Protein backbone atom coordinates (compact mmCIF):
# COMPACT_ATOMS: atom_id res chain seq x y z
CA MET A 1 102.21 -54.59 21.22
CA ARG A 2 101.16 -51.92 23.71
CA ASP A 3 98.21 -49.65 22.94
CA THR A 4 100.30 -46.83 21.50
CA ASN A 5 97.30 -44.66 20.61
CA SER A 6 95.97 -44.59 24.17
CA ARG A 7 99.45 -43.86 25.53
CA LEU A 8 99.84 -41.00 23.09
CA GLN A 9 96.40 -39.63 23.95
CA ARG A 10 97.23 -39.67 27.65
CA PHE A 11 100.54 -37.94 27.00
CA GLN A 12 98.90 -35.22 24.93
CA THR A 13 96.05 -34.72 27.44
CA VAL A 14 98.41 -34.24 30.36
CA ARG A 15 100.70 -31.94 28.37
CA ALA A 16 97.76 -29.80 27.23
CA ALA A 17 96.54 -29.41 30.83
CA SER A 18 99.79 -27.62 31.72
CA CYS A 19 98.77 -24.82 29.36
CA ALA A 20 95.19 -24.44 30.61
CA LEU A 21 95.85 -21.10 32.34
CA LEU A 22 97.75 -19.53 29.44
CA PRO A 23 94.69 -17.86 27.80
CA PHE A 24 94.21 -15.87 31.01
CA LEU A 25 97.85 -14.82 31.42
CA SER A 26 100.23 -12.40 29.76
CA ALA A 27 103.81 -13.26 28.86
CA GLU A 28 104.85 -11.00 31.75
CA ASP A 29 102.71 -13.02 34.17
CA CYS A 30 104.53 -16.17 33.08
CA CYS A 31 108.08 -14.86 33.52
CA VAL A 32 108.11 -13.48 37.07
CA GLN A 33 109.06 -15.35 40.25
CA ALA A 34 106.92 -14.42 43.25
CA MET A 35 109.26 -15.74 45.96
CA PRO A 36 112.15 -18.19 46.41
CA ASP A 37 109.80 -21.17 46.91
CA ALA A 38 107.89 -20.44 43.70
CA SER A 39 108.95 -20.60 40.07
CA PRO A 40 107.81 -18.66 36.99
CA LEU A 41 105.18 -20.47 34.96
CA LYS A 42 107.57 -20.23 32.00
CA TRP A 43 110.13 -22.22 33.97
CA HIS A 44 107.56 -24.89 34.91
CA LEU A 45 106.58 -25.30 31.25
CA ALA A 46 110.22 -25.67 30.24
CA HIS A 47 111.26 -27.93 33.12
CA THR A 48 108.46 -30.44 32.52
CA SER A 49 109.65 -30.64 28.90
CA TRP A 50 113.25 -30.91 30.09
CA PHE A 51 112.24 -33.98 32.12
CA PHE A 52 111.06 -35.89 29.05
CA GLU A 53 114.00 -34.69 26.97
CA THR A 54 116.61 -35.55 29.59
CA PHE A 55 115.38 -38.88 30.88
CA ILE A 56 113.73 -40.35 27.77
CA LEU A 57 114.57 -38.65 24.49
CA SER A 58 118.27 -38.16 25.16
CA ARG A 59 118.76 -41.91 25.49
CA ASP A 60 118.64 -41.96 21.69
CA GLU A 61 121.94 -40.74 20.30
CA GLN A 62 120.14 -39.57 17.16
CA TYR A 63 117.93 -37.15 19.10
CA GLN A 64 118.74 -33.47 18.53
CA PRO A 65 118.16 -31.31 21.64
CA PHE A 66 116.17 -28.13 21.06
CA ASN A 67 118.87 -26.07 22.76
CA PRO A 68 121.80 -27.72 24.61
CA ALA A 69 121.90 -24.82 27.11
CA PHE A 70 118.45 -25.83 28.38
CA ARG A 71 120.01 -28.88 30.04
CA THR A 72 121.40 -26.54 32.71
CA LEU A 73 118.81 -23.75 32.64
CA PHE A 74 115.84 -26.00 33.37
CA ASN A 75 117.42 -28.67 35.55
CA SER A 76 115.76 -28.39 38.94
CA TYR A 77 117.87 -30.41 41.39
CA TYR A 78 119.25 -33.45 39.58
CA ASN A 79 122.95 -33.42 40.41
CA GLY A 80 123.42 -36.65 38.50
CA VAL A 81 122.48 -34.82 35.30
CA GLY A 82 124.77 -31.86 35.79
CA PRO A 83 124.76 -28.26 37.10
CA GLN A 84 121.61 -26.23 37.61
CA TYR A 85 120.78 -22.56 37.22
CA PRO A 86 120.16 -21.14 40.74
CA ARG A 87 116.58 -21.64 41.87
CA LEU A 88 116.39 -18.20 43.50
CA GLN A 89 117.17 -16.56 40.14
CA ARG A 90 114.67 -18.32 37.87
CA GLY A 91 112.70 -15.10 37.58
CA LEU A 92 115.73 -13.41 36.01
CA LEU A 93 115.66 -15.69 32.96
CA THR A 94 114.25 -13.21 30.45
CA ARG A 95 116.00 -15.28 27.79
CA PRO A 96 114.89 -17.66 26.38
CA GLY A 97 111.67 -15.82 25.71
CA PHE A 98 108.24 -17.20 26.46
CA ALA A 99 107.62 -18.00 22.79
CA ASP A 100 110.89 -19.95 22.73
CA VAL A 101 109.71 -22.07 25.65
CA LEU A 102 106.46 -22.86 23.85
CA ASP A 103 108.51 -23.86 20.80
CA TYR A 104 110.60 -26.07 23.08
CA ARG A 105 107.46 -27.80 24.31
CA ALA A 106 106.30 -28.38 20.74
CA HIS A 107 109.71 -29.82 19.83
CA VAL A 108 109.65 -32.25 22.76
CA ASP A 109 106.00 -33.16 22.15
CA ALA A 110 106.68 -34.06 18.54
CA ALA A 111 109.70 -36.19 19.45
CA MET A 112 107.81 -37.93 22.25
CA ALA A 113 104.83 -38.63 19.99
CA ALA A 114 107.10 -40.30 17.45
CA LEU A 115 108.75 -42.33 20.19
CA ILE A 116 105.46 -43.45 21.69
CA LEU A 117 104.06 -44.45 18.31
CA SER A 118 107.22 -46.46 17.62
CA ASP A 119 106.14 -48.71 20.51
CA SER A 120 109.42 -48.17 22.33
CA ASP A 121 109.65 -49.61 25.82
CA VAL A 122 109.43 -46.36 27.80
CA ASP A 123 106.26 -47.03 29.80
CA GLU A 124 107.80 -46.65 33.28
CA LEU A 125 109.68 -43.41 32.58
CA LEU A 126 106.79 -42.06 30.50
CA GLU A 127 104.37 -42.50 33.39
CA LEU A 128 106.84 -40.96 35.85
CA GLY A 129 107.19 -37.96 33.53
CA LEU A 130 103.42 -37.52 33.30
CA GLN A 131 102.97 -37.79 37.06
CA HIS A 132 105.82 -35.31 37.49
CA GLU A 133 104.11 -32.90 35.10
CA GLN A 134 100.85 -33.18 37.05
CA GLN A 135 102.71 -32.22 40.21
CA HIS A 136 103.97 -29.13 38.42
CA GLN A 137 100.46 -28.28 37.23
CA GLU A 138 99.45 -27.86 40.86
CA LEU A 139 102.55 -25.78 41.52
CA MET A 140 101.70 -23.59 38.53
CA HIS A 141 98.31 -22.86 40.10
CA THR A 142 99.72 -21.94 43.50
CA ASP A 143 102.76 -20.08 42.16
CA ILE A 144 100.59 -17.87 39.92
CA LYS A 145 98.28 -17.23 42.87
CA ALA A 146 101.26 -16.13 44.97
CA LEU A 147 102.36 -13.78 42.20
CA LEU A 148 98.97 -12.16 41.65
CA ALA A 149 98.44 -11.73 45.39
CA MET A 150 101.54 -9.51 45.51
CA ASN A 151 100.25 -7.22 42.77
CA PRO A 152 98.82 -3.90 44.11
CA LEU A 153 96.19 -4.00 41.33
CA GLN A 154 94.73 -7.09 43.08
CA PRO A 155 93.93 -8.75 39.75
CA ALA A 156 91.38 -11.50 39.27
CA LEU A 157 92.70 -14.09 36.87
CA LEU A 158 89.42 -15.97 36.43
CA PRO A 159 85.79 -14.75 36.47
CA ALA A 160 84.17 -14.74 39.89
CA PRO A 161 82.38 -18.02 40.61
CA VAL A 162 78.71 -18.19 41.49
CA ALA A 163 78.51 -17.72 45.25
CA LYS A 164 77.87 -21.12 46.77
CA GLU A 165 78.53 -22.17 50.33
CA ALA A 166 79.09 -25.80 51.16
CA ALA A 167 76.24 -27.49 52.97
CA SER A 168 76.68 -27.50 56.72
CA ALA A 169 77.54 -30.99 57.92
CA GLU A 170 77.69 -32.22 61.47
CA LYS A 171 81.17 -32.97 62.69
CA GLN A 172 81.66 -36.40 64.20
CA TRP A 173 84.56 -38.15 65.83
CA ILE A 174 85.13 -41.41 63.97
CA ALA A 175 86.64 -44.11 66.19
CA CYS A 176 89.35 -46.25 64.61
CA ASP A 177 90.50 -49.47 66.26
CA GLY A 178 94.02 -49.24 64.91
CA GLY A 179 96.15 -52.31 65.61
CA LEU A 180 98.57 -53.76 63.08
CA VAL A 181 97.79 -52.01 59.80
CA SER A 182 99.39 -52.04 56.36
CA ILE A 183 100.66 -48.64 55.18
CA GLY A 184 101.97 -47.68 51.75
CA HIS A 185 101.13 -48.44 48.15
CA ARG A 186 99.78 -51.88 47.41
CA GLY A 187 98.46 -53.55 44.31
CA GLU A 188 98.65 -52.33 40.74
CA GLY A 189 98.97 -48.83 39.35
CA PHE A 190 101.52 -46.05 39.58
CA CYS A 191 103.08 -44.79 42.78
CA PHE A 192 106.13 -42.72 43.63
CA ASP A 193 109.09 -44.44 45.25
CA ASN A 194 108.42 -42.79 48.62
CA GLU A 195 105.12 -44.72 48.89
CA LEU A 196 107.04 -48.01 48.97
CA PRO A 197 107.35 -50.55 50.31
CA SER A 198 103.98 -51.39 51.84
CA HIS A 199 104.67 -52.35 55.44
CA VAL A 200 102.92 -53.11 58.71
CA VAL A 201 102.89 -50.63 61.59
CA PHE A 202 101.13 -50.57 64.94
CA VAL A 203 98.55 -47.83 65.38
CA ALA A 204 96.99 -47.27 68.80
CA PRO A 205 93.20 -46.71 68.92
CA PHE A 206 92.36 -43.15 67.88
CA ALA A 207 89.55 -40.94 66.68
CA ILE A 208 89.56 -38.70 63.63
CA ASP A 209 87.26 -35.83 62.69
CA SER A 210 84.79 -36.60 59.92
CA GLN A 211 85.23 -33.03 58.60
CA LEU A 212 88.08 -30.75 57.68
CA VAL A 213 88.62 -27.66 59.83
CA THR A 214 86.65 -24.80 58.24
CA ASN A 215 87.26 -21.09 57.84
CA ALA A 216 84.62 -20.47 60.52
CA ASP A 217 86.43 -22.82 62.91
CA TYR A 218 89.73 -21.09 62.29
CA LEU A 219 88.23 -17.63 62.59
CA THR A 220 87.08 -18.55 66.09
CA PHE A 221 90.68 -19.49 66.91
CA ILE A 222 91.86 -16.08 65.67
CA LYS A 223 89.20 -14.16 67.60
CA ASP A 224 90.13 -16.10 70.74
CA GLY A 225 93.66 -14.75 70.44
CA GLY A 226 95.19 -17.93 69.11
CA TYR A 227 98.12 -16.10 67.53
CA GLU A 228 98.83 -14.34 70.83
CA LYS A 229 99.07 -17.38 73.14
CA PRO A 230 102.60 -18.82 73.16
CA HIS A 231 101.56 -21.96 75.05
CA LEU A 232 99.72 -23.15 71.92
CA TRP A 233 102.80 -22.99 69.71
CA LEU A 234 105.91 -25.09 69.37
CA ALA A 235 109.04 -23.12 70.27
CA GLU A 236 110.19 -22.69 66.68
CA ALA A 237 106.63 -21.92 65.63
CA TRP A 238 106.28 -19.13 68.20
CA GLN A 239 109.56 -17.61 67.03
CA TRP A 240 108.17 -17.72 63.47
CA VAL A 241 104.92 -16.01 64.52
CA GLN A 242 106.84 -13.27 66.28
CA ARG A 243 109.48 -12.80 63.60
CA GLU A 244 107.04 -12.78 60.66
CA GLN A 245 104.22 -11.04 62.54
CA VAL A 246 101.76 -13.72 61.45
CA ALA A 247 98.19 -13.11 62.62
CA MET A 248 96.02 -14.98 60.11
CA PRO A 249 96.29 -17.49 57.25
CA LEU A 250 98.01 -16.49 54.05
CA TYR A 251 95.74 -14.56 51.64
CA TRP A 252 93.31 -13.46 54.39
CA GLN A 253 92.44 -9.89 55.30
CA CYS A 254 89.88 -8.07 57.43
CA ASP A 255 88.58 -4.85 55.88
CA GLU A 256 87.73 -1.61 57.66
CA ALA A 257 84.17 -2.78 58.14
CA GLY A 258 85.33 -5.90 59.92
CA GLN A 259 84.48 -8.21 57.01
CA TRP A 260 86.84 -11.09 56.38
CA GLN A 261 88.05 -11.79 52.85
CA HIS A 262 90.44 -14.14 51.09
CA PHE A 263 92.40 -13.89 47.86
CA SER A 264 92.03 -16.52 45.13
CA LEU A 265 92.46 -16.68 41.37
CA HIS A 266 89.06 -14.95 41.31
CA GLY A 267 90.49 -11.95 43.18
CA TRP A 268 89.39 -10.87 46.65
CA GLN A 269 86.20 -12.61 47.78
CA ALA A 270 84.17 -12.77 50.96
CA LEU A 271 85.56 -15.51 53.19
CA PRO A 272 83.41 -18.66 52.69
CA LEU A 273 82.92 -19.67 56.31
CA ARG A 274 81.78 -23.24 55.70
CA GLN A 275 84.63 -24.14 53.37
CA ALA A 276 87.86 -25.73 54.53
CA VAL A 277 90.55 -23.37 55.75
CA LEU A 278 93.50 -23.19 53.35
CA HIS A 279 97.08 -21.93 53.25
CA LEU A 280 98.07 -22.92 56.76
CA SER A 281 101.61 -23.80 57.73
CA PHE A 282 102.31 -26.87 59.82
CA PHE A 283 102.97 -24.46 62.67
CA GLU A 284 99.46 -23.01 62.41
CA ALA A 285 97.77 -26.37 61.96
CA ASP A 286 99.52 -27.75 65.04
CA ALA A 287 98.66 -24.68 67.15
CA TYR A 288 95.01 -24.82 66.10
CA ALA A 289 94.83 -28.51 67.02
CA ARG A 290 96.20 -27.77 70.50
CA TRP A 291 93.72 -24.92 70.93
CA ALA A 292 90.88 -27.28 69.91
CA GLY A 293 91.94 -29.85 72.51
CA ALA A 294 93.03 -32.28 69.83
CA ARG A 295 96.10 -33.02 67.69
CA LEU A 296 97.16 -33.70 64.14
CA PRO A 297 96.89 -37.32 62.97
CA THR A 298 100.04 -39.21 62.10
CA GLU A 299 100.28 -40.22 58.46
CA ALA A 300 99.72 -43.86 59.47
CA GLU A 301 96.53 -42.85 61.28
CA TRP A 302 95.36 -40.80 58.30
CA GLU A 303 95.90 -43.67 55.89
CA CYS A 304 94.38 -46.20 58.28
CA ALA A 305 91.23 -44.05 58.64
CA ALA A 306 91.06 -43.34 54.90
CA ARG A 307 91.13 -47.06 54.11
CA SER A 308 88.70 -48.20 56.80
CA HIS A 309 86.26 -45.25 57.07
CA GLU A 310 86.41 -43.54 53.68
CA ALA A 311 82.63 -43.15 53.41
CA GLN A 312 82.47 -41.30 56.74
CA LEU A 313 85.29 -38.85 56.07
CA THR A 314 84.50 -35.87 53.86
CA GLY A 315 87.18 -33.93 52.01
CA LEU A 316 89.77 -36.69 51.98
CA PHE A 317 90.67 -35.70 48.42
CA GLY A 318 90.18 -32.69 46.19
CA THR A 319 89.88 -29.96 48.82
CA CYS A 320 93.16 -29.40 50.65
CA TRP A 321 96.33 -31.21 51.56
CA GLN A 322 96.10 -32.17 55.22
CA TRP A 323 99.05 -31.75 57.56
CA THR A 324 100.04 -34.75 59.64
CA ALA A 325 102.23 -35.04 62.73
CA SER A 326 104.72 -37.23 60.83
CA SER A 327 108.17 -36.23 59.69
CA TYR A 328 108.92 -37.07 56.08
CA THR A 329 111.26 -40.02 56.15
CA ALA A 330 111.85 -43.31 54.36
CA TYR A 331 109.64 -46.32 54.88
CA PRO A 332 111.44 -49.44 56.16
CA GLY A 333 113.11 -51.07 53.17
CA PHE A 334 112.91 -47.97 50.94
CA VAL A 335 115.20 -48.19 47.92
CA GLU A 336 115.97 -45.26 45.65
CA ALA A 337 115.69 -45.82 41.92
CA ALA A 338 118.93 -46.24 40.00
CA GLY A 339 120.41 -43.25 38.22
CA ALA A 340 119.48 -39.58 38.40
CA VAL A 341 115.74 -40.27 38.73
CA GLY A 342 116.59 -41.72 42.15
CA GLU A 343 116.98 -38.11 43.30
CA TYR A 344 113.24 -37.54 42.82
CA ASN A 345 112.15 -37.99 46.46
CA GLY A 346 114.69 -39.66 48.69
CA LYS A 347 117.11 -36.79 49.15
CA PHE A 348 114.34 -34.55 50.52
CA MET A 349 113.62 -36.83 53.48
CA ILE A 350 114.79 -34.31 56.07
CA ASN A 351 113.27 -31.23 57.73
CA GLN A 352 109.86 -31.76 56.10
CA MET A 353 106.43 -32.82 57.34
CA VAL A 354 104.04 -35.16 55.54
CA LEU A 355 100.69 -34.06 54.13
CA ARG A 356 98.01 -36.45 52.93
CA GLY A 357 95.03 -36.28 50.57
CA SER A 358 95.02 -33.79 47.70
CA SER A 359 93.79 -30.28 46.93
CA ALA A 360 91.40 -28.56 44.57
CA ALA A 361 94.42 -27.82 42.35
CA THR A 362 95.54 -31.45 42.18
CA PRO A 363 94.82 -32.87 38.71
CA PRO A 364 91.96 -35.40 38.71
CA GLY A 365 93.15 -38.97 39.17
CA HIS A 366 96.60 -37.94 40.35
CA ALA A 367 96.25 -38.67 44.08
CA ARG A 368 95.63 -41.94 45.94
CA VAL A 369 95.34 -43.05 49.54
CA SER A 370 99.07 -43.84 49.86
CA TYR A 371 100.26 -40.54 48.30
CA ARG A 372 102.81 -38.69 50.45
CA ASN A 373 103.20 -34.95 49.91
CA PHE A 374 105.73 -33.03 51.97
CA PHE A 375 106.69 -29.45 52.78
CA PRO A 376 108.72 -27.51 55.37
CA THR A 377 106.94 -26.50 58.57
CA ASN A 378 106.54 -22.83 57.57
CA ALA A 379 105.25 -23.39 54.01
CA ARG A 380 101.86 -21.75 53.37
CA TRP A 381 101.52 -21.04 49.66
CA GLN A 382 100.12 -24.49 48.89
CA LEU A 383 96.44 -25.41 49.48
CA THR A 384 97.12 -26.85 52.92
CA GLY A 385 94.68 -27.36 55.78
CA LEU A 386 93.99 -29.90 58.48
CA ARG A 387 91.79 -32.58 59.97
CA LEU A 388 91.85 -33.20 63.73
CA ALA A 389 92.59 -36.41 65.60
CA ARG A 390 92.68 -37.40 69.23
CA ASN A 391 93.65 -40.36 71.38
CA LEU A 392 91.32 -43.11 72.46
CA ALA A 393 91.93 -45.23 75.53
CA SER A 394 93.31 -48.65 74.67
CA ALA A 395 90.96 -51.57 75.23
């Protein structure tokens, strides 16, 4: 018999973490959609419940759905399950109300608890659902931040932290031999399907920066006219800069006194120069790397360095997702899972770039060295930054 109590405790702990921000938010905060890429917090709370209801609870013919209409309203992109309410209009869902969504969560939690305690064989789907919910917890953080940043009242959701700058560390280029290296998830423990199968690739000798690029580093790029030099930007990137009039990272501003600030869940704060730069698009990360006389690492290089030089590389996890030069595509031998859950990752393997590591908003224990995040080249609302790489001459 599996340890049902520990499984239930893990389920309840992860589910409770999704509601951690609720004491600081109003119902209105939870119902509004900041932009097409974001979703209302209310929708996130419902969708993560929908996942358990749709893929686990509904396998039991005796299960009574909380509201059959929710199968469409809170389906994100699973065509194998049925139609979806348009993503761009999630902020228009004033009904069901926020209290109804919380009742929905309680209904699903109670049914899942009974199922887990019955020792049913749902371990694989249960873990996928919990990992899925943790992904949405990070999205809740960044989607709420995007919403508050648009508010002219410039609200601070959380109390201002005690001012503390990171200790200044000397940047070093860490040489990596490369060669034939194994990439992808290996061994025991959970992974998403896009981390499989583990496979061998050739990586030429390279060097990687021991540190993440900081706000101070990026500010130097801005002051040197980095956003005004087309030769630093890919063609599509330069068109984006011109069209969107981009001149600095998302959530930055320079006040009338020339002081740089950034917006966070603590409101507007002085820009912490020694901390890693955040909210960069792939376009900006790539342009900065060119300006610095370097480049972005490939995802194979990033993983190779993380496995062989972890102790020498600061900020691998828990600070920012790090852009790589790799397009998001399938590993050799990739096989999608059977059924609708097979739509989880595979169908997004186009027009996206891979990020590695994890951010300060990533739930503890969620990331691992083989984790592959991915976003379009112009995405900036996530906690995304970069680490530099450069070529080394072959032996």
